Protein backbone atom coordinates (compact mmCIF):
# COMPACT_ATOMS: atom_id res chain seq x y z
CA MET A 1 4.12 12.45 -6.82
CA PHE A 2 6.26 10.85 -4.24
CA GLU A 3 6.66 13.80 -2.15
CA LYS A 4 3.28 12.87 -0.60
CA PHE A 5 4.42 9.67 0.51
CA THR A 6 5.76 8.85 3.78
CA GLU A 7 9.07 7.21 3.98
CA LYS A 8 7.62 3.96 4.78
CA ALA A 9 5.17 4.01 1.78
CA VAL A 10 8.13 4.83 -0.51
CA ASN A 11 10.00 2.00 1.03
CA VAL A 12 7.18 -0.59 0.17
CA ILE A 13 7.27 0.89 -3.55
CA VAL A 14 10.91 0.54 -3.71
CA GLU A 15 10.59 -2.93 -2.59
CA ALA A 16 7.70 -3.76 -5.00
CA GLN A 17 9.85 -2.51 -7.43
CA ASN A 18 12.76 -4.90 -6.28
CA ILE A 19 10.29 -7.88 -6.19
CA ALA A 20 9.45 -7.04 -10.10
CA ILE A 21 13.23 -6.96 -10.99
CA TYR A 22 13.67 -10.23 -9.25
CA ASP A 23 10.93 -11.80 -10.81
CA HIS A 24 12.36 -10.56 -14.34
CA SER A 25 9.28 -8.57 -14.97
CA ASP A 26 8.94 -6.12 -17.94
CA LYS A 27 6.50 -3.97 -15.38
CA VAL A 28 6.10 -3.34 -11.84
CA LEU A 29 2.48 -5.16 -11.07
CA ALA A 30 -0.06 -4.48 -8.58
CA GLU A 31 0.83 -7.99 -7.52
CA HIS A 32 4.39 -6.83 -6.66
CA LEU A 33 2.93 -4.02 -4.31
CA LEU A 34 0.78 -6.54 -2.59
CA LEU A 35 3.80 -8.72 -2.01
CA ALA A 36 5.69 -5.53 -0.47
CA LEU A 37 2.76 -4.53 1.69
CA VAL A 38 2.83 -8.09 3.14
CA LYS A 39 6.60 -8.28 3.39
CA GLU A 40 7.15 -4.64 4.58
CA THR A 41 4.29 -4.88 7.14
CA LYS A 42 4.83 -3.61 10.70
CA GLY A 43 2.51 -2.59 13.59
CA PHE A 44 -1.18 -2.98 13.30
CA CYS A 45 -1.51 -4.17 9.76
CA ALA A 46 0.93 -6.88 10.67
CA LYS A 47 -1.18 -8.10 13.28
CA ILE A 48 -4.45 -8.05 10.80
CA PHE A 49 -2.00 -10.13 8.18
CA LYS A 50 -0.90 -12.59 11.09
CA ASN A 51 -4.39 -13.16 12.25
CA TYR A 52 -5.40 -14.45 8.79
CA ASN A 53 -2.01 -16.22 8.52
CA ILE A 54 -1.07 -14.18 5.51
CA THR A 55 2.59 -14.32 5.22
CA TYR A 56 4.91 -13.48 2.04
CA GLU A 57 5.38 -16.77 1.16
CA ARG A 58 2.05 -17.96 1.17
CA LEU A 59 0.95 -14.79 -0.85
CA ALA A 60 3.72 -15.55 -3.14
CA GLN A 61 2.54 -18.90 -4.09
CA GLU A 62 -1.14 -17.65 -4.56
CA ILE A 63 0.01 -14.97 -6.90
CA TYR A 64 2.96 -16.83 -8.85
CA PHE A 65 0.63 -19.85 -9.19
CA SER A 66 -2.03 -17.53 -11.12
CA LEU A 67 0.69 -15.34 -12.91
CA ASN A 68 2.82 -16.32 -15.88
CA LEU A 69 5.71 -13.80 -15.68
CA GLU A 70 7.71 -13.89 -18.82
CA GLU A 71 11.59 -13.69 -18.25
CA THR A 72 12.94 -10.35 -19.79
CA ASP A 73 16.29 -8.33 -19.41
CA MET A 74 16.69 -7.22 -15.98
CA THR A 75 17.26 -3.53 -15.39
CA SER A 76 16.98 -1.12 -12.39
CA SER A 77 14.28 1.00 -13.93
CA ILE A 78 11.15 -0.59 -15.13
CA PRO A 79 7.93 1.24 -15.55
CA PHE A 80 4.68 0.83 -13.27
CA SER A 81 1.68 -1.44 -14.73
CA GLU A 82 -1.63 0.87 -15.10
CA SER A 83 -3.11 -1.51 -12.06
CA PHE A 84 0.02 -0.45 -9.59
CA LYS A 85 -0.32 3.27 -11.03
CA ARG A 86 -4.13 2.94 -10.27
CA ILE A 87 -3.50 1.98 -6.89
CA LEU A 88 -1.22 4.68 -6.20
CA THR A 89 -3.84 7.23 -7.61
CA ASN A 90 -6.16 5.55 -5.04
CA ALA A 91 -3.98 6.10 -2.34
CA LEU A 92 -3.74 9.58 -3.25
CA HIS A 93 -7.48 9.95 -3.14
CA LEU A 94 -7.84 8.54 0.13
CA ILE A 95 -5.65 11.12 1.49
CA GLU A 96 -7.88 14.03 -0.13
CA GLN A 97 -10.75 12.22 1.25
CA SER A 98 -9.37 12.04 5.02
CA GLY A 99 -7.62 15.35 4.97
CA ASN A 100 -4.22 13.61 5.49
CA PRO A 101 -1.53 15.44 3.87
CA THR A 102 0.76 12.29 3.29
CA VAL A 103 0.14 8.74 2.19
CA HIS A 104 0.88 6.21 4.65
CA TYR A 105 1.32 2.79 4.28
CA GLU A 106 -2.06 2.12 5.84
CA HIS A 107 -3.29 3.80 2.63
CA LEU A 108 -1.49 1.57 0.39
CA VAL A 109 -2.91 -1.39 2.17
CA LEU A 110 -6.45 0.05 1.88
CA ALA A 111 -6.32 1.01 -1.73
CA ALA A 112 -4.75 -2.47 -2.65
CA ILE A 113 -7.56 -4.56 -0.92
CA THR A 114 -10.36 -2.60 -2.11
CA ASP A 115 -8.96 -2.38 -5.64
CA THR A 116 -11.92 -4.30 -7.51
CA GLU A 117 -10.15 -4.00 -10.98
CA SER A 118 -7.11 -6.16 -9.95
CA LYS A 119 -6.92 -9.70 -8.47
CA LEU A 120 -5.26 -8.41 -5.36
CA PRO A 121 -8.46 -9.02 -3.16
CA GLN A 122 -8.96 -12.23 -4.86
CA TYR A 123 -5.50 -13.35 -3.91
CA LEU A 124 -6.17 -12.40 -0.42
CA THR A 125 -9.72 -13.91 0.01
CA ASN A 126 -8.20 -17.27 -1.48
CA LEU A 127 -5.70 -17.34 1.82
CA GLY A 128 -8.77 -16.53 3.93
CA PHE A 129 -8.26 -12.92 4.48
CA ASP A 130 -11.48 -11.09 5.49
CA ILE A 131 -11.53 -7.53 3.77
CA GLU A 132 -14.81 -6.87 4.98
CA LYS A 133 -13.75 -7.38 8.59
CA SER A 134 -10.22 -5.72 8.05
CA LYS A 135 -11.14 -2.48 6.05
CA PRO A 136 -12.97 -0.83 8.78
CA LEU A 137 -9.79 -1.63 11.19
CA ILE A 138 -7.47 -0.06 8.69
CA GLU A 139 -9.70 3.00 8.06
CA LYS A 140 -9.64 3.84 11.80
CA LEU A 141 -6.20 3.38 12.00
CA VAL A 142 -5.71 5.88 9.11
CA GLN A 143 -7.86 8.22 10.92
CA ARG A 144 -5.50 8.04 13.76
CA LYS A 145 -2.90 8.80 11.72
CA VAL A 146 -4.43 12.02 10.48
CA LYS A 147 -4.88 12.91 13.89
CA LYS A 148 -1.13 12.25 14.78
CA ASP A 149 -0.01 14.47 11.52
CA PHE A 150 -1.77 17.33 12.91
CA HIS A 151 0.36 19.54 14.72
CA PRO A 152 -1.27 22.53 16.59
CA GLU A 153 1.75 24.73 16.65
CA LEU A 154 1.85 24.10 12.72
CA ASP A 155 -1.87 24.74 12.25
CA GLU A 156 -2.39 28.39 10.35
CA ASN A 157 -5.15 29.17 12.62
CA LYS A 158 -3.03 28.96 15.48
CA GLU A 159 -0.24 30.74 14.23
CA SER A 160 -2.63 33.86 13.37
CA GLU A 161 -3.82 33.92 16.91
CA ILE A 162 -0.12 33.85 18.22
CA ASN A 163 0.45 37.03 15.91
CA LEU A 164 -2.03 38.86 17.17
């Protein structure tokens, strides 16, 4: 499954696992993914989060205030929660829709902020994040990533023209 994820996207997933282990959680939750997305943010998404004053610390306070994590045995391998899996699946659906062959960090952000079955959008909204304004900006960024991933020399049509 993770072969379709860029290195940066995989790093975010690993960081979510690390946060879950640190929290003594028995599963990697969608909330851990959101925290990792904010913690590992760079580039344009970092500017969006910064514009709304969304920091790892503020988000952690908001999430931990509403979550009641029970302490469990710390292990290096804990399963993903259903909400975490759903967000990863939604990120895969986003690349299918956009024609992008790989899941970028921005796909994970889009999947997380638009996941109506979890509390993730609510956490961000509580901190003043405007999902409706930010979503189109991130979608445009994803479309630019599609263009960057396209390499004309690797295009099958271009290759057949050269062979002719």
